[in-house]
Protein backbone atom coordinates (compact mmCIF):
# COMPACT_ATOMS: atom_id res chain seq x y z
CA UNK A 1 -3.86 24.93 14.10
CA UNK A 2 -2.17 27.59 11.98
CA UNK A 3 -4.31 27.74 8.83
CA UNK A 4 -1.55 29.56 6.92
CA UNK A 5 0.71 26.56 7.37
CA UNK A 6 -2.02 24.09 6.41
CA UNK A 7 -2.59 26.14 3.27
CA UNK A 8 1.15 26.06 2.51
CA UNK A 9 1.26 22.29 3.01
CA UNK A 10 -1.66 21.76 0.62
CA UNK A 11 -0.11 24.10 -1.94
CA UNK A 12 3.15 22.14 -1.80
CA UNK A 13 1.17 18.90 -2.14
CA UNK A 14 -0.64 20.18 -5.24
CA UNK A 15 2.54 20.95 -7.14
CA UNK A 16 5.05 18.15 -6.43
CA UNK A 17 8.36 17.84 -8.25
CA UNK A 18 10.71 14.91 -8.72
CA UNK A 19 14.23 14.66 -7.29
CA UNK A 20 16.57 17.18 -8.90
CA UNK A 21 13.69 19.20 -10.40
CA UNK A 22 12.37 20.97 -7.28
CA UNK A 23 13.00 24.57 -8.38
CA UNK A 24 9.35 25.70 -8.27
CA UNK A 25 8.94 24.08 -4.85
CA UNK A 26 12.07 25.90 -3.66
CA UNK A 27 10.65 29.18 -4.99
CA UNK A 28 7.41 28.64 -3.04
CA UNK A 29 9.45 28.10 0.13
CA UNK A 30 11.60 31.17 -0.54
CA UNK A 31 8.54 33.35 -1.13
CA UNK A 32 6.99 32.14 2.13
CA UNK A 33 10.04 32.61 4.39
CA UNK A 34 11.36 35.91 3.05
CA UNK A 35 8.53 37.81 4.78
CA UNK A 36 9.96 36.76 8.16
CA UNK A 37 13.26 38.66 8.11
CA UNK A 38 15.91 35.96 7.93
CA UNK A 39 19.53 37.10 7.97
CA UNK A 40 20.06 35.40 4.62
CA UNK A 41 18.38 33.08 2.12
CA UNK A 42 20.86 30.95 0.16
CA UNK A 43 19.38 29.38 -2.97
CA UNK A 44 20.53 26.63 -5.36
CA UNK A 45 22.23 24.70 -2.56
CA UNK A 46 23.26 21.30 -3.95
CA UNK A 47 20.77 21.85 -6.78
CA UNK A 48 17.40 23.34 -5.88
CA UNK A 49 18.15 23.50 -2.14
CA UNK A 50 17.39 26.50 0.06
CA UNK A 51 19.13 27.47 3.31
CA UNK A 52 17.37 30.08 5.46
CA UNK A 53 19.73 31.65 8.00
CA UNK A 54 18.83 33.27 11.34
CA UNK A 55 21.78 34.72 13.24
CA UNK A 56 21.43 35.74 16.89
CA UNK A 57 25.05 36.48 17.75
CA UNK A 58 28.52 35.78 16.41
CA UNK A 59 29.21 33.33 19.22
CA UNK A 60 27.38 30.14 20.10
CA UNK A 61 26.56 26.94 18.23
CA UNK A 62 25.02 26.58 14.78
CA UNK A 63 21.93 24.35 14.56
CA UNK A 64 20.70 23.01 11.22
CA UNK A 65 17.10 21.80 10.87
CA UNK A 66 16.79 19.82 7.66
CA UNK A 67 13.81 18.71 5.53
CA UNK A 68 13.33 17.46 1.98
CA UNK A 69 11.91 19.12 -1.17
CA UNK A 70 11.24 16.19 -3.50
CA UNK A 71 8.22 14.05 -4.33
CA UNK A 72 7.90 10.58 -5.91
CA UNK A 73 7.03 9.20 -9.37
CA UNK A 74 3.68 7.87 -8.10
CA UNK A 75 0.23 8.67 -9.49
CA UNK A 76 -1.97 10.14 -6.74
CA UNK A 77 -5.00 7.96 -5.90
CA UNK A 78 -6.66 10.55 -3.64
CA UNK A 79 -9.48 12.77 -4.92
CA UNK A 80 -9.43 15.60 -2.34
CA UNK A 81 -9.19 19.22 -3.44
CA UNK A 82 -5.42 19.50 -2.88
CA UNK A 83 -4.56 16.37 -4.92
CA UNK A 84 -1.47 16.52 -7.14
CA UNK A 85 -1.87 18.50 -10.35
CA UNK A 86 1.30 16.98 -11.82
CA UNK A 87 0.42 13.69 -13.49
CA UNK A 88 2.44 10.73 -12.25
CA UNK A 89 4.12 12.74 -9.47
CA UNK A 90 2.94 13.11 -5.86
CA UNK A 91 4.08 13.67 -2.28
CA UNK A 92 3.78 10.13 -0.92
CA UNK A 93 6.54 10.34 1.69
CA UNK A 94 5.28 13.43 3.50
CA UNK A 95 8.01 15.80 2.38
CA UNK A 96 5.31 18.44 1.87
CA UNK A 97 4.56 18.16 5.59
CA UNK A 98 8.22 18.12 6.60
CA UNK A 99 8.83 21.32 4.60
CA UNK A 100 5.81 22.98 6.21
CA UNK A 101 7.04 22.15 9.72
CA UNK A 102 10.48 23.61 9.03
CA UNK A 103 9.07 26.66 7.22
CA UNK A 104 6.68 27.13 10.16
CA UNK A 105 9.65 27.83 12.44
CA UNK A 106 10.20 31.24 10.79
CA UNK A 107 7.21 32.84 12.53
CA UNK A 108 8.86 31.99 15.86
CA UNK A 109 12.50 32.61 14.88
CA UNK A 110 11.81 36.13 13.66
CA UNK A 111 10.86 37.15 17.24
CA UNK A 112 12.70 34.49 19.27
CA UNK A 113 14.49 35.66 22.42
CA UNK A 114 17.72 33.84 21.70
CA UNK A 115 21.02 35.54 22.49
CA UNK A 116 23.55 33.34 20.76
CA UNK A 117 24.28 31.17 17.76
CA UNK A 118 22.73 30.55 14.38
CA UNK A 119 19.81 28.52 13.06
CA UNK A 120 19.83 27.27 9.47
CA UNK A 121 16.60 25.91 8.02
CA UNK A 122 17.73 23.59 5.24
CA UNK A 123 15.33 22.53 2.47
CA UNK A 124 17.27 19.75 0.78
CA UNK A 125 16.71 18.46 -2.77
CA UNK A 126 16.81 14.89 -4.09
CA UNK A 127 16.44 12.83 -0.92
CA UNK A 128 14.56 10.03 -2.69
CA UNK A 129 17.51 9.22 -4.98
CA UNK A 130 20.12 9.42 -2.20
CA UNK A 131 21.99 12.17 -4.07
CA UNK A 132 20.74 15.39 -2.46
CA UNK A 133 22.47 15.45 0.93
CA UNK A 134 25.86 14.56 -0.58
CA UNK A 135 25.55 17.44 -3.07
CA UNK A 136 24.44 19.85 -0.35
CA UNK A 137 27.53 18.93 1.66
CA UNK A 138 29.73 19.92 -1.29
CA UNK A 139 28.37 23.48 -1.12
CA UNK A 140 30.82 25.62 0.89
CA UNK A 141 28.15 28.28 1.44
CA UNK A 142 26.60 25.81 3.87
CA UNK A 143 29.64 23.96 5.20
CA UNK A 144 31.44 27.24 6.00
CA UNK A 145 28.86 27.72 8.77
CA UNK A 146 30.45 24.67 10.45
CA UNK A 147 27.21 23.24 11.88
CA UNK A 148 27.41 21.95 15.43
CA UNK A 149 24.11 20.04 15.34
CA UNK A 150 21.86 18.75 12.55
CA UNK A 151 18.33 17.51 13.21
CA UNK A 152 15.55 16.10 11.03
CA UNK A 153 12.31 14.21 11.49
CA UNK A 154 10.35 11.74 9.40
CA UNK A 155 6.66 11.04 9.79
CA UNK A 156 5.98 7.35 10.48
CA UNK A 157 2.62 5.76 9.59
CA UNK A 158 1.85 2.82 11.86
CA UNK A 159 2.88 4.79 14.97
CA UNK A 160 0.34 6.60 17.14
CA UNK A 161 -0.08 10.24 16.10
CA UNK A 162 2.38 12.72 17.67
CA UNK A 163 4.54 10.02 19.28
CA UNK A 164 8.28 10.65 19.04
CA UNK A 165 10.42 7.64 18.21
CA UNK A 166 14.17 7.80 18.48
CA UNK A 167 17.14 5.46 18.73
CA UNK A 168 20.86 5.80 19.37
CA UNK A 169 23.09 4.33 16.70
CA UNK A 170 21.56 3.33 13.38
CA UNK A 171 18.12 4.87 12.91
CA UNK A 172 17.76 3.93 9.22
CA UNK A 173 19.50 1.32 7.09
CA UNK A 174 22.38 1.43 4.64
CA UNK A 175 20.69 0.98 1.24
CA UNK A 176 22.22 0.25 -2.15
CA UNK A 177 20.55 -0.56 -5.48
CA UNK A 178 22.15 -2.51 -8.30
CA UNK A 179 21.50 -3.82 -11.80
CA UNK A 180 23.00 -6.86 -13.54
CA UNK A 181 22.95 -7.20 -17.32
CA UNK A 182 23.77 -10.59 -18.86
CA UNK A 183 24.51 -10.95 -22.55
CA UNK A 184 24.50 -14.28 -24.34
CA UNK A 185 23.88 -15.09 -28.01
CA UNK A 186 20.64 -15.03 -29.95
CA UNK A 187 19.45 -18.18 -31.76
CA UNK A 188 16.34 -19.61 -33.36
CA UNK A 189 13.95 -20.89 -30.69
CA UNK A 190 13.97 -24.31 -32.38
CA UNK A 191 17.77 -24.44 -32.06
CA UNK A 192 18.63 -22.95 -28.64
CA UNK A 193 21.83 -25.02 -28.60
CA UNK A 194 23.24 -22.68 -31.26
CA UNK A 195 22.89 -19.68 -28.95
CA UNK A 196 23.57 -18.76 -25.34
CA UNK A 197 20.35 -18.19 -23.43
CA UNK A 198 20.73 -16.49 -20.00
CA UNK A 199 17.51 -17.97 -18.54
CA UNK A 200 19.18 -20.65 -16.38
CA UNK A 201 21.77 -18.13 -15.17
CA UNK A 202 19.00 -15.78 -14.06
CA UNK A 203 17.13 -18.60 -12.30
CA UNK A 204 20.25 -19.79 -10.47
CA UNK A 205 21.35 -16.26 -9.55
CA UNK A 206 17.96 -15.42 -8.03
CA UNK A 207 18.16 -18.57 -5.92
CA UNK A 208 21.73 -17.85 -4.79
CA UNK A 209 21.01 -14.20 -3.93
CA UNK A 210 18.04 -15.29 -1.83
CA UNK A 211 20.46 -17.41 0.25
CA UNK A 212 22.35 -14.23 1.24
CA UNK A 213 19.32 -12.82 3.04
CA UNK A 214 19.51 -12.52 6.84
CA UNK A 215 15.96 -11.42 7.67
CA UNK A 216 16.42 -11.07 11.44
CA UNK A 217 16.60 -7.31 11.96
CA UNK A 218 18.06 -7.85 15.45
CA UNK A 219 21.25 -9.36 13.97
CA UNK A 220 24.18 -7.09 13.20
CA UNK A 221 24.62 -8.95 9.87
CA UNK A 222 20.99 -8.26 8.88
CA UNK A 223 20.71 -8.26 5.07
CA UNK A 224 17.71 -7.85 2.82
CA UNK A 225 18.00 -8.40 -0.95
CA UNK A 226 14.76 -7.43 -2.67
CA UNK A 227 14.22 -8.28 -6.37
CA UNK A 228 12.88 -5.12 -8.03
CA UNK A 229 12.84 -5.88 -11.75
CA UNK A 230 13.63 -8.82 -14.04
CA UNK A 231 13.55 -8.84 -17.84
CA UNK A 232 14.57 -11.69 -20.12
CA UNK A 233 14.59 -11.78 -23.91
CA UNK A 234 11.71 -10.37 -25.95
CA UNK A 235 8.15 -11.31 -26.88
CA UNK A 236 9.18 -12.94 -30.12
CA UNK A 237 8.45 -16.64 -30.05
CA UNK A 238 10.90 -17.68 -32.72
CA UNK A 239 13.93 -16.31 -30.88
CA UNK A 240 15.86 -17.84 -27.99
CA UNK A 241 16.72 -15.06 -25.53
CA UNK A 242 20.08 -13.29 -25.66
CA UNK A 243 19.81 -10.60 -22.95
CA UNK A 244 18.66 -10.52 -19.34
CA UNK A 245 18.47 -7.73 -16.79
CA UNK A 246 17.95 -7.93 -13.02
CA UNK A 247 17.60 -5.10 -10.49
CA UNK A 248 17.86 -5.45 -6.70
CA UNK A 249 17.77 -3.23 -3.67
CA UNK A 250 20.02 -4.30 -0.80
CA UNK A 251 19.65 -3.25 2.84
CA UNK A 252 22.00 -3.75 5.77
CA UNK A 253 22.61 -1.90 9.01
CA UNK A 254 26.31 -1.12 8.70
CA UNK A 255 28.38 -0.01 5.74
CA UNK A 256 30.88 -2.78 6.56
CA UNK A 257 28.26 -5.52 6.08
CA UNK A 258 27.13 -3.82 2.87
CA UNK A 259 30.69 -3.84 1.48
CA UNK A 260 31.12 -7.54 2.35
CA UNK A 261 27.79 -8.33 0.68
CA UNK A 262 28.69 -6.37 -2.46
CA UNK A 263 31.94 -8.37 -2.80
CA UNK A 264 30.03 -11.63 -2.33
CA UNK A 265 27.46 -10.64 -4.97
CA UNK A 266 30.15 -9.60 -7.47
CA UNK A 267 31.91 -12.97 -7.11
CA UNK A 268 28.63 -14.88 -7.46
CA UNK A 269 27.62 -13.00 -10.62
CA UNK A 270 31.07 -13.57 -12.10
CA UNK A 271 30.95 -17.33 -11.34
CA UNK A 272 27.45 -17.67 -12.83
CA UNK A 273 28.46 -15.78 -15.98
CA UNK A 274 31.48 -18.08 -16.43
CA UNK A 275 29.36 -21.17 -15.87
CA UNK A 276 26.80 -20.20 -18.53
CA UNK A 277 29.26 -18.56 -20.98
CA UNK A 278 27.77 -15.08 -20.60
CA UNK A 279 29.27 -11.63 -20.51
CA UNK A 280 27.87 -9.20 -17.97
CA UNK A 281 28.05 -5.74 -16.50
CA UNK A 282 26.89 -4.47 -13.11
CA UNK A 283 25.92 -1.01 -11.92
CA UNK A 284 25.56 0.25 -8.36
CA UNK A 285 23.44 3.34 -7.65
CA UNK A 286 21.09 5.16 -5.24
CA UNK A 287 23.32 4.68 -2.22
CA UNK A 288 21.95 5.77 1.17
CA UNK A 289 24.40 5.54 4.08
CA UNK A 290 22.83 4.58 7.40
CA UNK A 291 21.65 7.48 9.55
CA UNK A 292 23.74 7.00 12.68
CA UNK A 293 22.30 9.05 15.52
CA UNK A 294 24.64 10.80 17.94
CA UNK A 295 24.01 9.95 21.64
CA UNK A 296 24.00 13.58 22.78
CA UNK A 297 21.50 14.50 20.05
CA UNK A 298 19.26 11.55 20.96
CA UNK A 299 19.32 12.64 24.61
CA UNK A 300 18.24 16.14 23.50
CA UNK A 301 15.36 14.73 21.43
CA UNK A 302 14.20 12.63 24.40
CA UNK A 303 14.44 15.58 26.79
CA UNK A 304 12.47 17.89 24.49
CA UNK A 305 9.77 15.27 23.82
CA UNK A 306 9.21 14.96 27.57
CA UNK A 307 9.19 18.75 28.01
CA UNK A 308 6.54 19.03 25.28
CA UNK A 309 4.47 16.20 26.79
CA UNK A 310 4.83 14.12 23.64
CA UNK A 311 4.84 10.35 24.11
CA UNK A 312 8.29 8.85 23.60
CA UNK A 313 8.68 5.51 21.84
CA UNK A 314 12.06 3.79 21.87
CA UNK A 315 12.61 1.97 18.58
CA UNK A 316 13.71 -1.60 19.37
CA UNK A 317 15.53 -1.82 16.02
CA UNK A 318 16.52 0.43 13.16
CA UNK A 319 14.10 1.29 10.36
CA UNK A 320 14.69 -0.62 7.14
CA UNK A 321 14.14 2.27 4.75
CA UNK A 322 16.94 4.45 3.38
CA UNK A 323 17.30 8.14 4.28
CA UNK A 324 20.10 10.23 2.86
CA UNK A 325 20.28 12.11 6.16
CA UNK A 326 23.01 9.52 6.75
CA UNK A 327 25.41 11.78 4.83
CA UNK A 328 24.96 14.46 7.52
CA UNK A 329 25.52 11.94 10.30
CA UNK A 330 28.93 11.11 8.79
CA UNK A 331 30.05 14.74 9.23
CA UNK A 332 28.15 16.32 12.15
CA UNK A 333 26.56 15.57 15.51
CA UNK A 334 23.07 14.72 14.33
CA UNK A 335 19.85 12.84 14.92
CA UNK A 336 16.78 12.01 12.90
CA UNK A 337 13.66 11.01 14.81
CA UNK A 338 10.22 9.68 13.94
CA UNK A 339 6.93 11.54 14.33
CA UNK A 340 3.98 9.13 14.56
CA UNK A 341 1.51 9.71 11.69
CA UNK A 342 -1.28 7.43 12.94
CA UNK A 343 -1.71 3.70 13.37
CA UNK A 344 -4.21 3.42 10.50
CA UNK A 345 -2.53 5.93 8.18
CA UNK A 346 -1.68 4.60 4.67
CA UNK A 347 1.98 3.61 4.50
CA UNK A 348 4.74 5.74 3.01
CA UNK A 349 4.95 5.52 -0.80
CA UNK A 350 1.37 4.24 -1.08
CA UNK A 351 -0.71 6.02 -3.72
CA UNK A 352 -3.42 7.03 -1.21
CA UNK A 353 -1.03 8.42 1.44
CA UNK A 354 -1.43 12.06 2.56
CA UNK A 355 0.50 13.85 5.30
CA UNK A 356 -1.74 14.47 8.36
CA UNK A 357 -1.88 18.24 8.96
CA UNK A 358 -2.23 17.74 12.74
CA UNK A 359 1.46 16.77 12.83
CA UNK A 360 2.60 20.25 11.80
CA UNK A 361 2.15 21.59 15.34
CA UNK A 362 3.95 18.73 17.10
CA UNK A 363 6.81 18.82 14.59
CA UNK A 364 7.27 22.55 15.21
CA UNK A 365 7.12 21.94 18.99
CA UNK A 366 10.01 19.49 18.73
CA UNK A 367 12.27 21.69 16.62
CA UNK A 368 11.53 24.81 18.70
CA UNK A 369 12.37 22.82 21.83
CA UNK A 370 15.66 21.55 20.36
CA UNK A 371 16.74 25.02 19.23
CA UNK A 372 15.80 26.52 22.61
CA UNK A 373 17.60 23.77 24.49
CA UNK A 374 20.83 24.36 22.53
CA UNK A 375 20.78 28.13 21.96
CA UNK A 376 18.37 29.52 24.52
CA UNK A 377 20.31 28.81 27.70
């Protein structure tokens, strides 16, 4: 294994940054890649993003290989030497590993015998909030390259190490978060009839929203509504509650089902508010469109996995998590695939997760194979 890359991965792990704040991370990447003679390094793409450009000829396709810069607001539970030095922030989704894989391509690209096209290594900010890819796609310095193909990977705990999992159509879900704020009227706790307490509205709404769930992931109208946060009133025992706040995350496969569900939720909240004489406001945020894999790109991933003697696993259904790679799939031929991180590996977003360094080599194998397959013929 390339010890330089392992060292880079551990360095990135030590100094994680939250979505939208990844400027030091971006600088580390820039310092690493600039020694390998790229044609150009474009900084501040969609925020802290970095695009590293290798140009082999004016003709031929443009291939984008994308990874993510950001970490999560999670306190690291691990005690190893490269544990996070930033309190309350850590790489618990493996973006440190994804960055290392993509950065590791520069040692090959600088000497690659490719006679056509361009390769853009894209280090994207703010994936975890669903905002980064959309902002990157507003940057004409990137879009003017008119990418022909965009590829990404995500490590997947629970899958055997180095296995490649891929699926045509939806690879990850459409995800939308929302908050509902009810406002009633405060009263003395001994005289609740003189106020408007939102407690019964909250109880009824939670029950009704649970009836909208379609847990069968094989159904096209799959819908998951997960309660995230509920707050009612205050810890003051002489006061009947006036305010209530609920937060949910909603997951569907298609955007169409998500839109139908949003309309249904809005009507339900409005009806409940009328019934209990409450005012309310709703907010919708952290939207992740589904990553819809292109058939040609999936076929390329499958072909390269076989060429590299990596075990191929066909996903029977889409993955339920959100990935803002979906913004790229709305504009370009693209595919995101899974790289098995180990069957007993702690799950993504768990406080004791750490990206397995052995995956760096197989991730690089896949991206080298895809670039060669498209540009090296």
